[in-house]
Amino acid sequence: MNNLRTSGNPFFDGLVQIYDREYDVLLPIFYYNAASFTGIFTADTEKVKAHLPFPDMKPVEIFPGRALVALTALEYKDTDIDPYNEFSVAVLITYRERNIPVYSLLKQLFQNSLKTYILSLPVTTDRARRGGVELGGYPKFLAEIEFKDTPGERVCVVSTGNHRLLTFYGKKTKTQKGRKIHAKVYTSMQGKAMSANLYMNQKEFSQTLGKGNSGIDIGSGHLVCDILNNIGLSKHPLAYQYVPNYEAILFNPKNIIDI
């Protein structure tokens, strides 16, 4: 299917989109204008491993006993499935390969192919929720996800009804043009491992190390709160990424044998 909106944009050029009538969606899904900020925290490896459904998935460690968990607030301003917001809780993993602290992370960074398993993924629209759950096994649920801005900071509040689940904040750090990145996003569907390719073109990007750039206040009384409260999450992120302008392509999930 021809998508006139991508004409002249080399990032989307050459890709064929197929229309799925049941879900009213073009696949792969194009994200034309998006923003995010991410805190990469450490967590207890054994506690994180308990949330991974397959023995071939192992948490990537920064050093023995401490895995890496990425918390990301996402604002999708213009997409093929309309605007929506999302909050991702993801574990960096290896799949069916040797897992060595530090080395496995450096290998993925060098190959520009990060692998993550999604633990929780609240979203703000049922269109985004239904397609993600039924087509790919994403652990999505409906929530209110609001962004608030101050001159130097972005704040993301995730709630259900009047119940606040978490507040996540990050600084508006100075950016430069980022690179194109590739990630493999793993999920579980019908007891089987699934994987989807995600490509991002980071038009504005910054990364900083150490505490002081991002933090999270976790509530209680919900599964996502239980996960975050029970995995031994570090008080401060190891690294922080601020991406106020990017575009992305999310391919439909496939069985592992088909990747």
Protein backbone atom coordinates (compact mmCIF):
# COMPACT_ATOMS: atom_id res chain seq x y z
CA MET A 1 0.00 0.00 0.00
CA ASN A 2 1.39 3.40 -0.97
CA ASN A 3 1.77 5.82 1.90
CA LEU A 4 1.95 9.35 0.51
CA ARG A 5 2.95 10.73 3.92
CA THR A 6 6.38 9.10 3.66
CA SER A 7 7.21 10.45 0.20
CA GLY A 8 10.68 11.98 0.22
CA ASN A 9 11.59 10.65 3.67
CA PRO A 10 14.57 8.28 3.31
CA PHE A 11 13.92 6.66 6.70
CA PHE A 12 10.60 5.19 5.51
CA ASP A 13 11.54 4.87 1.83
CA GLY A 14 11.32 1.44 0.22
CA LEU A 15 9.04 -0.14 2.82
CA VAL A 16 5.74 -1.74 1.84
CA GLN A 17 2.88 -1.44 4.31
CA ILE A 18 0.04 -3.97 4.32
CA TYR A 19 -3.41 -2.98 5.54
CA ASP A 20 -5.00 -5.22 8.18
CA ARG A 21 -8.75 -4.63 7.91
CA GLU A 22 -9.71 -6.30 11.22
CA TYR A 23 -7.44 -4.03 13.26
CA ASP A 24 -7.62 -1.05 10.89
CA VAL A 25 -3.83 -0.75 10.84
CA LEU A 26 -1.00 -0.48 8.37
CA LEU A 27 1.84 -2.94 9.08
CA PRO A 28 4.59 -2.14 9.82
CA ILE A 29 3.41 0.82 11.87
CA PHE A 30 5.06 4.16 11.14
CA TYR A 31 5.69 6.70 13.91
CA TYR A 32 6.21 10.09 12.26
CA ASN A 33 6.70 12.26 15.33
CA ALA A 34 7.52 10.93 18.78
CA ALA A 35 9.36 11.89 21.97
CA SER A 36 10.68 9.89 24.90
CA PHE A 37 12.92 9.85 27.93
CA THR A 38 14.50 6.75 29.45
CA GLY A 39 16.17 5.83 32.70
CA ILE A 40 18.32 2.70 32.62
CA PHE A 41 18.31 1.31 36.15
CA THR A 42 20.01 -1.68 37.70
CA ALA A 43 17.99 -4.40 39.41
CA ASP A 44 18.52 -7.70 41.19
CA THR A 45 19.28 -10.29 38.51
CA GLU A 46 17.53 -13.22 40.17
CA LYS A 47 14.41 -11.18 40.89
CA VAL A 48 14.32 -9.94 37.29
CA LYS A 49 14.89 -13.45 35.95
CA ALA A 50 11.73 -14.60 37.76
CA HIS A 51 9.71 -12.37 35.41
CA LEU A 52 11.19 -13.85 32.21
CA PRO A 53 8.96 -16.65 30.89
CA PHE A 54 11.55 -18.64 28.94
CA PRO A 55 14.87 -20.19 30.10
CA ASP A 56 16.56 -19.05 26.88
CA MET A 57 16.04 -15.44 28.00
CA LYS A 58 18.61 -14.13 30.44
CA PRO A 59 18.97 -10.62 31.87
CA VAL A 60 21.94 -8.61 30.63
CA GLU A 61 24.12 -7.67 33.60
CA ILE A 62 26.29 -4.61 34.10
CA PHE A 63 28.13 -6.66 36.72
CA PRO A 64 27.34 -10.00 38.38
CA GLY A 65 24.05 -9.85 40.24
CA ARG A 66 22.80 -6.57 38.74
CA ALA A 67 20.63 -6.62 35.61
CA LEU A 68 19.57 -3.65 33.48
CA VAL A 69 15.96 -2.43 33.36
CA ALA A 70 14.89 0.40 31.06
CA LEU A 71 11.96 2.63 32.07
CA THR A 72 10.71 4.77 29.20
CA ALA A 73 7.98 7.41 28.95
CA LEU A 74 6.81 7.73 25.34
CA GLU A 75 4.67 10.35 23.67
CA TYR A 76 3.53 9.34 20.17
CA LYS A 77 2.29 12.55 18.61
CA ASP A 78 1.67 11.35 15.05
CA THR A 79 1.38 7.67 14.06
CA ASP A 80 -0.50 5.30 11.77
CA ILE A 81 -2.68 4.34 14.76
CA ASP A 82 -3.35 7.92 15.93
CA PRO A 83 -1.63 9.75 18.81
CA TYR A 84 -1.20 7.95 22.12
CA ASN A 85 1.11 7.77 25.14
CA GLU A 86 2.87 4.76 26.61
CA PHE A 87 5.11 3.76 29.51
CA SER A 88 7.49 0.85 29.02
CA VAL A 89 9.12 -1.39 31.62
CA ALA A 90 11.67 -3.50 29.75
CA VAL A 91 14.54 -5.82 30.67
CA LEU A 92 17.67 -5.93 28.52
CA ILE A 93 18.20 -9.60 27.67
CA THR A 94 20.13 -12.13 25.65
CA TYR A 95 18.22 -14.88 23.87
CA ARG A 96 19.67 -18.29 23.06
CA GLU A 97 23.23 -17.04 23.43
CA ARG A 98 25.95 -16.92 26.04
CA ASN A 99 25.40 -14.23 28.64
CA ILE A 100 28.50 -12.55 30.09
CA PRO A 101 28.31 -9.50 32.40
CA VAL A 102 29.30 -6.27 30.61
CA TYR A 103 30.45 -8.13 27.48
CA SER A 104 26.90 -9.04 26.39
CA LEU A 105 25.84 -5.40 26.74
CA LEU A 106 28.86 -4.11 24.84
CA LYS A 107 28.26 -6.67 22.11
CA GLN A 108 24.68 -5.51 21.59
CA LEU A 109 25.77 -1.87 21.58
CA PHE A 110 28.55 -2.58 19.08
CA GLN A 111 26.21 -4.52 16.79
CA ASN A 112 23.50 -1.85 17.19
CA SER A 113 20.95 -4.52 18.04
CA LEU A 114 19.58 -4.21 21.56
CA LYS A 115 17.30 -6.97 22.83
CA THR A 116 14.57 -6.29 25.38
CA TYR A 117 11.72 -8.21 26.99
CA ILE A 118 8.67 -6.12 27.89
CA LEU A 119 7.40 -6.61 31.45
CA SER A 120 4.64 -3.99 31.41
CA LEU A 121 3.29 -1.52 28.85
CA PRO A 122 0.41 0.79 29.84
CA VAL A 123 -1.06 2.78 26.94
CA THR A 124 -3.70 5.49 26.59
CA THR A 125 -5.86 4.23 23.69
CA ASP A 126 -7.73 1.00 23.13
CA ARG A 127 -6.64 0.95 19.50
CA ALA A 128 -3.00 0.74 20.58
CA ARG A 129 -3.83 -1.74 23.35
CA ARG A 130 -5.95 -4.20 21.37
CA GLY A 131 -3.61 -4.55 18.42
CA GLY A 132 -0.56 -4.92 20.64
CA VAL A 133 -2.14 -7.57 22.87
CA GLU A 134 -3.88 -9.63 20.19
CA LEU A 135 -1.27 -9.43 17.42
CA GLY A 136 1.90 -9.55 19.49
CA GLY A 137 1.32 -10.50 23.11
CA TYR A 138 2.43 -7.13 24.45
CA PRO A 139 1.51 -6.75 28.15
CA LYS A 140 -0.58 -3.64 27.49
CA PHE A 141 -3.36 -2.22 29.63
CA LEU A 142 -5.29 1.04 29.51
CA ALA A 143 -4.10 3.85 31.75
CA GLU A 144 -3.93 7.62 31.94
CA ILE A 145 -0.44 8.80 31.02
CA GLU A 146 0.06 12.55 31.33
CA PHE A 147 3.12 14.64 30.57
CA LYS A 148 3.90 17.85 32.39
CA ASP A 149 6.67 20.26 31.41
CA THR A 150 8.77 22.72 33.34
CA PRO A 151 11.56 24.76 31.74
CA GLY A 152 14.13 22.11 32.58
CA GLU A 153 12.23 18.88 33.16
CA ARG A 154 9.60 16.50 31.80
CA VAL A 155 7.32 14.65 34.21
CA CYS A 156 5.23 11.60 33.31
CA VAL A 157 2.39 10.51 35.61
CA VAL A 158 0.81 7.07 35.05
CA SER A 159 -2.52 6.37 36.74
CA THR A 160 -5.71 4.34 36.49
CA GLY A 161 -8.77 6.30 37.44
CA ASN A 162 -7.81 8.30 40.51
CA HIS A 163 -5.10 5.81 41.50
CA ARG A 164 -1.55 7.00 40.76
CA LEU A 165 0.76 4.16 39.74
CA LEU A 166 4.01 6.05 39.29
CA THR A 167 5.62 9.40 38.60
CA PHE A 168 8.67 9.41 36.34
CA TYR A 169 10.75 12.47 35.60
CA GLY A 170 13.73 13.39 33.45
CA LYS A 171 15.74 16.49 32.67
CA LYS A 172 15.63 18.28 29.33
CA THR A 173 19.30 17.82 28.61
CA LYS A 174 21.10 19.41 25.67
CA THR A 175 20.68 17.33 22.51
CA GLN A 176 22.40 16.70 19.22
CA LYS A 177 21.52 14.58 16.21
CA GLY A 178 21.38 10.92 17.22
CA ARG A 179 21.94 7.78 15.21
CA LYS A 180 19.57 5.24 13.76
CA ILE A 181 19.17 2.31 16.11
CA HIS A 182 17.70 -1.18 15.91
CA ALA A 183 16.11 -3.13 18.72
CA LYS A 184 14.52 -6.56 18.97
CA VAL A 185 11.48 -6.46 21.22
CA TYR A 186 10.51 -9.80 22.76
CA THR A 187 7.08 -10.73 24.13
CA SER A 188 5.17 -13.87 25.09
CA MET A 189 2.02 -15.00 23.29
CA GLN A 190 0.12 -18.25 23.84
CA GLY A 191 3.10 -19.54 25.81
CA LYS A 192 5.51 -18.92 22.92
CA ALA A 193 8.29 -16.38 22.44
CA MET A 194 7.64 -13.65 19.88
CA SER A 195 9.94 -10.98 18.50
CA ALA A 196 9.46 -7.69 16.63
CA ASN A 197 11.95 -5.37 14.99
CA LEU A 198 11.96 -1.71 15.99
CA TYR A 199 13.94 0.93 14.11
CA MET A 200 14.38 4.49 15.38
CA ASN A 201 15.78 7.61 13.75
CA GLN A 202 16.75 9.88 16.62
CA LYS A 203 16.62 13.42 15.27
CA GLU A 204 17.45 14.88 18.69
CA PHE A 205 19.24 12.82 21.31
CA SER A 206 21.29 13.06 24.47
CA GLN A 207 22.69 10.55 26.92
CA THR A 208 24.09 11.26 30.35
CA LEU A 209 25.53 9.03 33.05
CA GLY A 210 25.10 9.13 36.80
CA LYS A 211 22.38 10.25 39.17
CA GLY A 212 20.50 13.52 39.14
CA ASN A 213 19.03 13.42 35.63
CA SER A 214 16.04 11.14 36.18
CA GLY A 215 14.08 9.41 38.91
CA ILE A 216 10.89 7.56 39.71
CA ASP A 217 8.33 7.55 42.52
CA ILE A 218 6.52 4.19 42.50
CA GLY A 219 3.04 3.71 43.95
CA SER A 220 1.33 0.47 44.99
CA GLY A 221 -1.81 -1.56 44.40
CA HIS A 222 -1.18 -2.56 40.78
CA LEU A 223 0.86 -5.22 38.95
CA VAL A 224 3.24 -2.72 37.38
CA CYS A 225 3.89 -1.24 40.85
CA ASP A 226 4.48 -4.72 42.27
CA ILE A 227 7.02 -5.48 39.53
CA LEU A 228 8.94 -2.25 40.06
CA ASN A 229 8.83 -2.49 43.86
CA ASN A 230 9.96 -6.12 43.99
CA ILE A 231 12.92 -6.35 41.57
CA GLY A 232 15.43 -4.45 43.68
CA LEU A 233 15.46 -1.40 41.44
CA SER A 234 18.33 1.01 42.04
CA LYS A 235 17.49 4.38 43.55
CA HIS A 236 19.01 6.25 40.61
CA PRO A 237 19.46 5.30 36.95
CA LEU A 238 22.85 4.25 35.66
CA ALA A 239 22.22 6.17 32.43
CA TYR A 240 19.61 8.57 31.12
CA GLN A 241 18.48 9.22 27.54
CA TYR A 242 16.44 12.21 26.39
CA VAL A 243 14.99 11.99 22.87
CA PRO A 244 12.55 14.86 22.25
CA ASN A 245 12.24 14.20 18.51
CA TYR A 246 12.39 10.89 16.67
CA GLU A 247 10.61 8.76 14.10
CA ALA A 248 10.25 4.99 14.20
CA ILE A 249 9.13 1.83 12.42
CA LEU A 250 7.61 -1.05 14.40
CA PHE A 251 7.29 -4.31 12.49
CA ASN A 252 4.60 -6.81 13.40
CA PRO A 253 5.76 -9.54 15.83
CA LYS A 254 6.75 -12.93 14.49
CA ASN A 255 7.42 -16.38 15.84
CA ILE A 256 11.07 -16.81 16.72
CA ILE A 257 11.63 -19.28 13.87
CA ASP A 258 10.66 -16.54 11.38
CA ILE A 259 13.25 -13.91 12.39
